[in-house]
Amino acid sequence: MAHGPTTIPFLRYADAPAAIRFLVEAFGFEEKLVVPGEDGKIAHAELTFGNGMVMLGSERDEGIPVRSPKDQGGANQGVYIVVADPDALYERAKRAGARTEMKPSDTEYGSRDFIVRDPEGNIWSFGTYDPFAPGS
């Protein structure tokens, strides 16, 4: 490996092709790799955002049966992404159909954050707080 350990979240969607379209339109992810599966499903996808990435695919029963929050009655985790302009991204996400959990607001720790859900209920949080920045 050319660099140290890297954390890459992975998600499952009931409708992974629609999820990919949403993540690109709403948040500005870019498709790095999309591997089609059977019956219009996605076997594996890699979407980049800046120097970060999420991997996703269609729900499946074989291997580890990971399901969409849509099928679980709600999400129990989320993804946080550092952005320079959360207000502009929030407006973009709203136009694409993201469901607001928290409008852009200033936090007591100096960040400007917002939280939305994608169409299947995954929680996406964006903010200016960068835990890797010097002094954080």
Protein backbone atom coordinates (compact mmCIF):
# COMPACT_ATOMS: atom_id res chain seq x y z
CA MET A 1 0.00 0.00 0.00
CA ALA A 2 1.41 3.39 -1.01
CA HIS A 3 -0.10 5.19 1.99
CA GLY A 4 -1.21 4.30 5.49
CA PRO A 5 -4.52 2.77 6.49
CA THR A 6 -7.59 4.45 5.01
CA THR A 7 -11.17 4.36 6.23
CA ILE A 8 -13.79 3.90 3.49
CA PRO A 9 -17.41 3.44 4.53
CA PHE A 10 -19.55 0.97 2.60
CA LEU A 11 -23.31 1.14 2.22
CA ARG A 12 -26.03 -1.07 0.77
CA TYR A 13 -29.08 0.21 -1.07
CA ALA A 14 -32.32 -1.41 -2.20
CA ASP A 15 -31.97 0.67 -5.40
CA ALA A 16 -28.22 1.21 -5.78
CA PRO A 17 -28.41 2.70 -9.32
CA ALA A 18 -30.79 5.40 -8.02
CA ALA A 19 -28.56 5.95 -4.98
CA ILE A 20 -25.53 6.55 -7.20
CA ARG A 21 -27.49 9.09 -9.28
CA PHE A 22 -28.63 10.81 -6.07
CA LEU A 23 -25.17 10.96 -4.49
CA VAL A 24 -23.70 12.46 -7.68
CA GLU A 25 -26.50 15.00 -8.11
CA ALA A 26 -27.08 15.95 -4.47
CA PHE A 27 -23.56 15.97 -3.05
CA GLY A 28 -21.19 16.03 -6.02
CA PHE A 29 -19.71 12.54 -5.68
CA GLU A 30 -17.92 11.26 -8.76
CA GLU A 31 -18.15 7.71 -10.08
CA LYS A 32 -14.73 6.07 -9.91
CA LEU A 33 -15.93 2.51 -10.54
CA VAL A 34 -19.38 0.99 -11.01
CA VAL A 35 -19.63 -2.78 -11.50
CA PRO A 36 -23.10 -3.86 -12.69
CA GLY A 37 -24.62 -6.97 -11.17
CA GLU A 38 -27.52 -9.15 -12.22
CA ASP A 39 -31.05 -7.84 -12.74
CA GLY A 40 -30.06 -4.17 -12.84
CA LYS A 41 -28.31 -4.33 -9.48
CA ILE A 42 -24.89 -2.94 -8.59
CA ALA A 43 -22.32 -5.52 -7.53
CA HIS A 44 -19.86 -2.85 -6.37
CA ALA A 45 -19.38 0.89 -6.77
CA GLU A 46 -16.73 3.36 -5.66
CA LEU A 47 -17.68 7.03 -5.48
CA THR A 48 -15.12 9.72 -4.67
CA PHE A 49 -15.58 13.08 -2.96
CA GLY A 50 -12.39 15.11 -2.77
CA ASN A 51 -9.78 12.73 -1.34
CA GLY A 52 -12.46 10.54 0.28
CA MET A 53 -14.54 7.67 -0.97
CA VAL A 54 -17.59 5.57 -0.20
CA MET A 55 -18.23 2.13 -1.60
CA LEU A 56 -21.74 0.85 -2.14
CA GLY A 57 -23.79 -1.81 -3.79
CA SER A 58 -27.19 -3.40 -3.96
CA GLU A 59 -28.55 -5.29 -1.00
CA ARG A 60 -27.68 -8.96 -1.07
CA ASP A 61 -28.34 -12.08 0.91
CA GLU A 62 -25.04 -13.88 0.35
CA GLY A 63 -21.96 -13.02 2.37
CA ILE A 64 -22.70 -10.39 4.98
CA PRO A 65 -26.40 -9.48 4.58
CA VAL A 66 -26.21 -5.68 4.89
CA ARG A 67 -29.52 -3.88 4.30
CA SER A 68 -30.59 -0.38 3.48
CA PRO A 69 -31.91 1.69 6.43
CA LYS A 70 -35.14 1.78 4.41
CA ASP A 71 -35.56 -1.93 5.21
CA GLN A 72 -34.38 -1.64 8.82
CA GLY A 73 -36.75 1.05 10.07
CA GLY A 74 -33.99 3.66 10.29
CA ALA A 75 -30.26 4.28 10.16
CA ASN A 76 -27.97 3.61 13.10
CA GLN A 77 -24.89 5.35 11.72
CA GLY A 78 -23.94 8.10 9.31
CA VAL A 79 -21.14 9.54 7.22
CA TYR A 80 -19.47 12.90 8.01
CA ILE A 81 -17.71 14.81 5.23
CA VAL A 82 -15.61 17.97 5.58
CA VAL A 83 -16.64 20.71 3.13
CA ALA A 84 -15.71 24.36 2.67
CA ASP A 85 -19.21 25.68 1.92
CA PRO A 86 -21.91 23.69 3.71
CA ASP A 87 -24.63 26.24 2.92
CA ALA A 88 -24.20 25.89 -0.85
CA LEU A 89 -24.02 22.10 -0.61
CA TYR A 90 -27.14 22.02 1.57
CA GLU A 91 -29.10 23.94 -1.07
CA ARG A 92 -27.85 21.56 -3.76
CA ALA A 93 -28.81 18.53 -1.65
CA LYS A 94 -32.29 19.93 -0.96
CA ARG A 95 -32.89 20.52 -4.67
CA ALA A 96 -31.93 16.89 -5.33
CA GLY A 97 -34.45 15.61 -2.76
CA ALA A 98 -32.37 15.12 0.40
CA ARG A 99 -34.49 15.10 3.57
CA THR A 100 -33.35 17.66 6.14
CA GLU A 101 -32.50 16.48 9.64
CA MET A 102 -30.62 19.65 10.63
CA LYS A 103 -30.40 22.86 8.61
CA PRO A 104 -26.99 24.53 8.33
CA SER A 105 -26.06 25.90 11.72
CA ASP A 106 -23.03 26.98 13.70
CA THR A 107 -21.84 24.62 16.43
CA GLU A 108 -20.28 25.35 19.81
CA TYR A 109 -17.03 23.80 18.52
CA GLY A 110 -16.68 26.26 15.63
CA SER A 111 -18.06 24.26 12.74
CA ARG A 112 -20.90 25.00 10.36
CA ASP A 113 -22.82 21.75 9.81
CA PHE A 114 -25.93 20.28 8.28
CA ILE A 115 -27.43 16.80 8.28
CA VAL A 116 -29.64 15.19 5.65
CA ARG A 117 -30.91 11.75 4.73
CA ASP A 118 -30.70 10.21 1.29
CA PRO A 119 -33.85 8.66 -0.25
CA GLU A 120 -33.23 5.34 1.53
CA GLY A 121 -32.59 6.90 4.94
CA ASN A 122 -28.78 6.93 5.22
CA ILE A 123 -27.56 9.88 7.29
CA TRP A 124 -25.12 12.30 5.66
CA SER A 125 -23.52 15.05 7.74
CA PHE A 126 -21.40 17.81 6.20
CA GLY A 127 -19.46 20.52 7.96
CA THR A 128 -16.44 22.73 8.13
CA TYR A 129 -14.92 21.00 11.17
CA ASP A 130 -11.81 19.10 10.06
CA PRO A 131 -10.42 16.86 12.79
CA PHE A 132 -7.15 16.54 10.82
CA ALA A 133 -6.52 20.30 10.71
CA PRO A 134 -3.66 21.59 12.86
CA GLY A 135 -4.92 22.63 16.28
CA SER A 136 -8.05 20.47 16.14
